[in-house]
Structures are given as C-alpha cells and as structure tokens.
Amino acid sequence: MSDDLLDDPRLTAAGLFFEVHTGLNARFAAQLCEHGLSPVEFEVLMRLARSPGHQLRMTDLASQTSLSTSGVTRVVDRMERDRYITRRACPSDRRSSYAVITQSGLTKLERILPSTSR
C-alpha cells in the first residue's frame, strides 16, 4: 500500500468523523443510562412521540430504526412491561399492530430531553 493513499486527507477526515461519532454515541448512551434507557429504547420513544397519533405500525417502526422486526418485538415487549409503550390492534389489518407511546413514555422523554443538550 502506498504512503500517498494513507496520507489522503479524505481518509483522515473519515477517521476523524468516526472518532467523533463514537465519542458522541458513548456520551449519549451514558446520559440515557442515567435515565434507565438504552439508545434504541430512546430512539423508539422519539419516533413514536413524533409520529401522528404517537403510534407506528410495528413493521414501520422496524424500518425506521436499526432493528429487525423480531428485534422491535423484543424492545417493545420490554418497553411495554415498563409501561412506556402499549400495543394496539390495527383496525384495517388483523395481522398488524401498532406500538403506541403512553403518557408514561412521554413523561420519560420530557425528563430526558433537557439533559441530552448538556
């Protein structure tokens, strides 16, 4: 491998980007941990809170996050147990269901959001 390739400023910029990304993710995860949430649980709450009716079909939630459909099911199971989310049957498609943020989930977000801007 030539030194010219390794000295390419684009490669340096990409490396710096990854360092910043990793650092920000670690800091963000630590702040969320203080509130008892993982980054993916926070992402789920945010997506539901910002969606019409505070709900998304489970398949849409999977496609909007880094989760598979089975991964979304596991996360929603946990969050439903913690009462941050509830499930609602889809009236037009019995095979589908919605994940819906609860008042408890909205309150959790209200407590977290000011701390994420520190």
Protein backbone atom coordinates (compact mmCIF):
# COMPACT_ATOMS: atom_id res chain seq x y z
CA MET A 1 0.00 0.00 0.00
CA SER A 2 1.43 3.37 -0.95
CA ASP A 3 2.03 6.13 1.58
CA ASP A 4 0.14 8.53 -0.70
CA LEU A 5 -3.05 6.57 -0.16
CA LEU A 6 -2.60 6.52 3.62
CA ASP A 7 -1.86 10.27 3.68
CA ASP A 8 -5.01 11.16 1.74
CA PRO A 9 -6.85 13.96 3.62
CA ARG A 10 -10.19 12.30 2.82
CA LEU A 11 -9.08 9.23 4.74
CA THR A 12 -8.04 11.47 7.65
CA ALA A 13 -11.43 13.24 7.57
CA ALA A 14 -13.27 9.91 7.56
CA GLY A 15 -11.21 8.71 10.53
CA LEU A 16 -11.96 11.90 12.46
CA PHE A 17 -15.65 11.57 11.66
CA PHE A 18 -15.70 8.03 13.07
CA GLU A 19 -13.87 9.18 16.23
CA VAL A 20 -16.42 11.96 16.82
CA HIS A 21 -19.32 9.61 16.09
CA THR A 22 -18.01 7.02 18.56
CA GLY A 23 -17.40 9.64 21.25
CA LEU A 24 -20.83 11.21 20.88
CA ASN A 25 -22.55 7.82 20.94
CA ALA A 26 -20.72 6.86 24.14
CA ARG A 27 -21.63 10.13 25.85
CA PHE A 28 -25.25 9.94 24.71
CA ALA A 29 -25.54 6.30 25.85
CA ALA A 30 -24.16 7.24 29.28
CA GLN A 31 -26.71 10.05 29.65
CA LEU A 32 -29.55 7.74 28.65
CA CYS A 33 -28.32 5.07 31.06
CA GLU A 34 -28.75 7.61 33.88
CA HIS A 35 -32.44 7.63 32.92
CA GLY A 36 -32.73 3.85 32.63
CA LEU A 37 -32.97 3.68 28.83
CA SER A 38 -30.79 2.28 26.10
CA PRO A 39 -30.15 4.31 22.94
CA VAL A 40 -32.51 2.09 20.94
CA GLU A 41 -35.28 2.49 23.52
CA PHE A 42 -34.82 6.26 23.34
CA GLU A 43 -34.98 6.10 19.54
CA VAL A 44 -38.23 4.12 19.72
CA LEU A 45 -39.79 6.63 22.14
CA MET A 46 -38.71 9.56 19.95
CA ARG A 47 -40.07 8.01 16.76
CA LEU A 48 -43.41 7.24 18.40
CA ALA A 49 -43.66 10.66 20.05
CA ARG A 50 -43.04 12.39 16.73
CA SER A 51 -45.44 10.22 14.72
CA PRO A 52 -49.08 11.09 14.02
CA GLY A 53 -51.20 9.78 16.87
CA HIS A 54 -48.00 8.88 18.73
CA GLN A 55 -48.07 5.48 17.05
CA LEU A 56 -46.42 3.43 14.31
CA ARG A 57 -47.11 0.01 12.89
CA MET A 58 -44.54 -2.42 14.25
CA THR A 59 -43.18 -3.06 10.74
CA ASP A 60 -42.79 0.69 10.15
CA LEU A 61 -41.02 1.07 13.48
CA ALA A 62 -38.59 -1.66 12.43
CA SER A 63 -37.88 0.01 9.09
CA GLN A 64 -37.28 3.39 10.76
CA THR A 65 -34.83 2.03 13.32
CA SER A 66 -31.78 -0.17 13.28
CA LEU A 67 -33.89 -3.14 14.38
CA SER A 68 -35.28 -6.19 12.65
CA THR A 69 -38.96 -7.00 13.08
CA SER A 70 -38.11 -9.55 15.77
CA GLY A 71 -35.78 -7.00 17.40
CA VAL A 72 -38.59 -4.45 17.51
CA THR A 73 -40.85 -7.05 19.10
CA ARG A 74 -38.30 -7.70 21.86
CA VAL A 75 -37.73 -3.98 22.52
CA VAL A 76 -41.46 -3.24 22.52
CA ASP A 77 -42.02 -6.18 24.89
CA ARG A 78 -39.54 -4.65 27.36
CA MET A 79 -40.92 -1.15 26.96
CA GLU A 80 -44.49 -2.39 27.30
CA ARG A 81 -43.50 -4.13 30.55
CA ASP A 82 -42.07 -0.77 31.74
CA ARG A 83 -45.33 0.91 30.63
CA TYR A 84 -43.66 3.30 28.16
CA ILE A 85 -45.46 1.72 25.20
CA THR A 86 -48.66 -0.18 24.59
CA ARG A 87 -49.77 -2.23 21.61
CA ARG A 88 -52.94 -1.53 19.69
CA ALA A 89 -54.50 -3.78 17.05
CA CYS A 90 -54.66 -2.37 13.54
CA PRO A 91 -58.37 -2.00 12.67
CA SER A 92 -57.82 -2.50 8.94
CA ASP A 93 -55.34 -5.41 9.10
CA ARG A 94 -55.66 -8.01 11.84
CA ARG A 95 -52.12 -9.26 11.11
CA SER A 96 -50.64 -5.91 12.06
CA SER A 97 -50.40 -3.98 15.30
CA TYR A 98 -49.32 -0.53 16.38
CA ALA A 99 -46.79 0.45 19.01
CA VAL A 100 -48.19 3.47 20.86
CA ILE A 101 -46.29 5.66 23.30
CA THR A 102 -48.04 6.03 26.67
CA GLN A 103 -48.24 9.09 28.89
CA SER A 104 -45.52 7.48 30.99
CA GLY A 105 -43.33 7.23 27.88
CA LEU A 106 -43.96 10.88 27.01
CA THR A 107 -43.12 11.90 30.58
CA LYS A 108 -39.88 9.90 30.38
CA LEU A 109 -38.92 11.80 27.22
CA GLU A 110 -39.71 15.15 28.85
CA ARG A 111 -37.32 14.27 31.67
CA ILE A 112 -34.57 13.11 29.33
CA LEU A 113 -34.60 15.72 26.57
CA PRO A 114 -33.26 18.68 28.57
CA SER A 115 -30.31 16.55 29.74
CA THR A 116 -29.28 15.48 26.22
CA SER A 117 -28.33 19.05 25.30
CA ARG A 118 -25.75 19.44 28.08
